[in-house]
């Protein structure tokens, strides 16, 4: 399984879509026993960290394990395959130890 990402526009962010996705994932992840390598990272335009898509206001990255834990969210929010997120992203959901996933790339 590959990394996945979801781009969120400024309008979608204003309507709380990123919070909705994080809350939905958190519930599914906890129900799956909160695997140590299941995590969500994110970047937003205007904050620290690189951003490769100018049309996205927020980009949410699902680790490979997160994508397998929550396939319904991958489908619902049309998450697309991608490379591992860039260094400088923020850990949004998951264990602090999940940051090691970024260094493994």
Protein backbone atom coordinates (compact mmCIF):
# COMPACT_ATOMS: atom_id res chain seq x y z
CA UNK A 1 0.00 0.00 0.00
CA UNK A 2 1.18 3.51 -0.79
CA UNK A 3 0.88 6.85 0.93
CA UNK A 4 -2.32 8.73 0.10
CA UNK A 5 -3.18 12.42 0.14
CA UNK A 6 -6.32 14.51 0.22
CA UNK A 7 -6.26 18.11 -1.00
CA UNK A 8 -8.62 20.51 0.77
CA UNK A 9 -9.48 23.88 -0.71
CA UNK A 10 -9.75 27.08 1.32
CA UNK A 11 -13.58 26.92 1.06
CA UNK A 12 -13.64 23.30 2.22
CA UNK A 13 -11.31 24.16 5.10
CA UNK A 14 -13.57 27.05 6.13
CA UNK A 15 -16.47 24.58 6.28
CA UNK A 16 -14.49 22.30 8.61
CA UNK A 17 -13.70 19.47 6.19
CA UNK A 18 -10.22 18.85 7.57
CA UNK A 19 -11.59 18.54 11.11
CA UNK A 20 -14.30 16.18 9.87
CA UNK A 21 -11.75 13.94 8.15
CA UNK A 22 -9.48 13.87 11.20
CA UNK A 23 -12.37 13.05 13.54
CA UNK A 24 -13.66 10.30 11.26
CA UNK A 25 -10.19 8.80 10.93
CA UNK A 26 -9.53 9.00 14.67
CA UNK A 27 -12.70 7.00 15.38
CA UNK A 28 -11.89 4.33 12.76
CA UNK A 29 -8.26 4.17 13.85
CA UNK A 30 -9.19 3.70 17.52
CA UNK A 31 -11.68 0.97 16.57
CA UNK A 32 -8.81 -0.79 14.75
CA UNK A 33 -6.69 -0.69 17.90
CA UNK A 34 -4.73 2.45 16.92
CA UNK A 35 -1.85 0.71 15.13
CA UNK A 36 1.48 2.42 15.80
CA UNK A 37 2.18 3.01 12.09
CA UNK A 38 -1.28 4.38 11.31
CA UNK A 39 -1.02 8.16 11.18
CA UNK A 40 -2.17 11.28 9.41
CA UNK A 41 0.15 14.17 8.65
CA UNK A 42 -0.67 17.54 7.16
CA UNK A 43 0.58 20.76 5.64
CA UNK A 44 -1.20 24.00 5.01
CA UNK A 45 -0.34 26.94 2.85
CA UNK A 46 1.02 29.82 4.88
CA UNK A 47 2.50 27.60 7.60
CA UNK A 48 5.90 26.05 7.86
CA UNK A 49 6.59 23.12 5.62
CA UNK A 50 6.74 22.75 1.85
CA UNK A 51 3.63 22.47 -0.25
CA UNK A 52 3.62 21.10 -3.77
CA UNK A 53 0.08 21.88 -4.94
CA UNK A 54 -0.91 25.53 -5.23
CA UNK A 55 -4.62 24.69 -5.58
CA UNK A 56 -4.74 23.05 -2.15
CA UNK A 57 -5.03 25.07 1.04
CA UNK A 58 -4.48 21.99 3.23
CA UNK A 59 -3.01 18.64 2.25
CA UNK A 60 -3.67 15.63 4.49
CA UNK A 61 -1.37 12.62 4.11
CA UNK A 62 -2.41 9.13 5.20
CA UNK A 63 0.38 6.69 6.00
CA UNK A 64 0.17 3.38 4.14
CA UNK A 65 -1.20 1.71 7.28
CA UNK A 66 -3.76 4.50 7.80
CA UNK A 67 -5.01 3.95 4.27
CA UNK A 68 -5.55 0.24 4.98
CA UNK A 69 -7.24 0.97 8.33
CA UNK A 70 -9.66 3.46 6.76
CA UNK A 71 -10.36 2.44 3.14
CA UNK A 72 -13.81 4.02 3.31
CA UNK A 73 -12.23 7.43 4.00
CA UNK A 74 -9.78 6.92 1.13
CA UNK A 75 -12.75 6.35 -1.17
CA UNK A 76 -15.07 8.96 0.34
CA UNK A 77 -12.54 11.79 0.12
CA UNK A 78 -10.90 10.57 -3.09
CA UNK A 79 -7.43 10.20 -1.58
CA UNK A 80 -4.84 9.69 -4.29
CA UNK A 81 -1.57 7.76 -4.18
CA UNK A 82 1.49 9.89 -3.56
CA UNK A 83 5.06 9.90 -2.34
CA UNK A 84 5.74 10.18 1.37
CA UNK A 85 5.03 13.68 2.68
CA UNK A 86 7.84 16.21 2.75
CA UNK A 87 9.89 16.77 5.88
CA UNK A 88 8.27 19.56 7.88
CA UNK A 89 4.72 18.21 7.87
CA UNK A 90 2.78 18.10 11.13
CA UNK A 91 1.58 14.92 12.80
CA UNK A 92 -2.21 15.35 13.08
CA UNK A 93 -3.40 11.93 14.26
CA UNK A 94 -1.28 9.08 15.57
CA UNK A 95 1.54 8.32 17.93
CA UNK A 96 4.55 10.63 18.11
CA UNK A 97 6.63 7.60 17.12
CA UNK A 98 4.89 7.76 13.73
CA UNK A 99 7.29 10.54 12.77
CA UNK A 100 9.82 7.77 12.08
CA UNK A 101 7.72 6.90 9.00
CA UNK A 102 8.93 10.14 7.43
CA UNK A 103 12.57 9.28 8.02
CA UNK A 104 12.21 5.84 6.44
CA UNK A 105 11.65 7.35 3.00
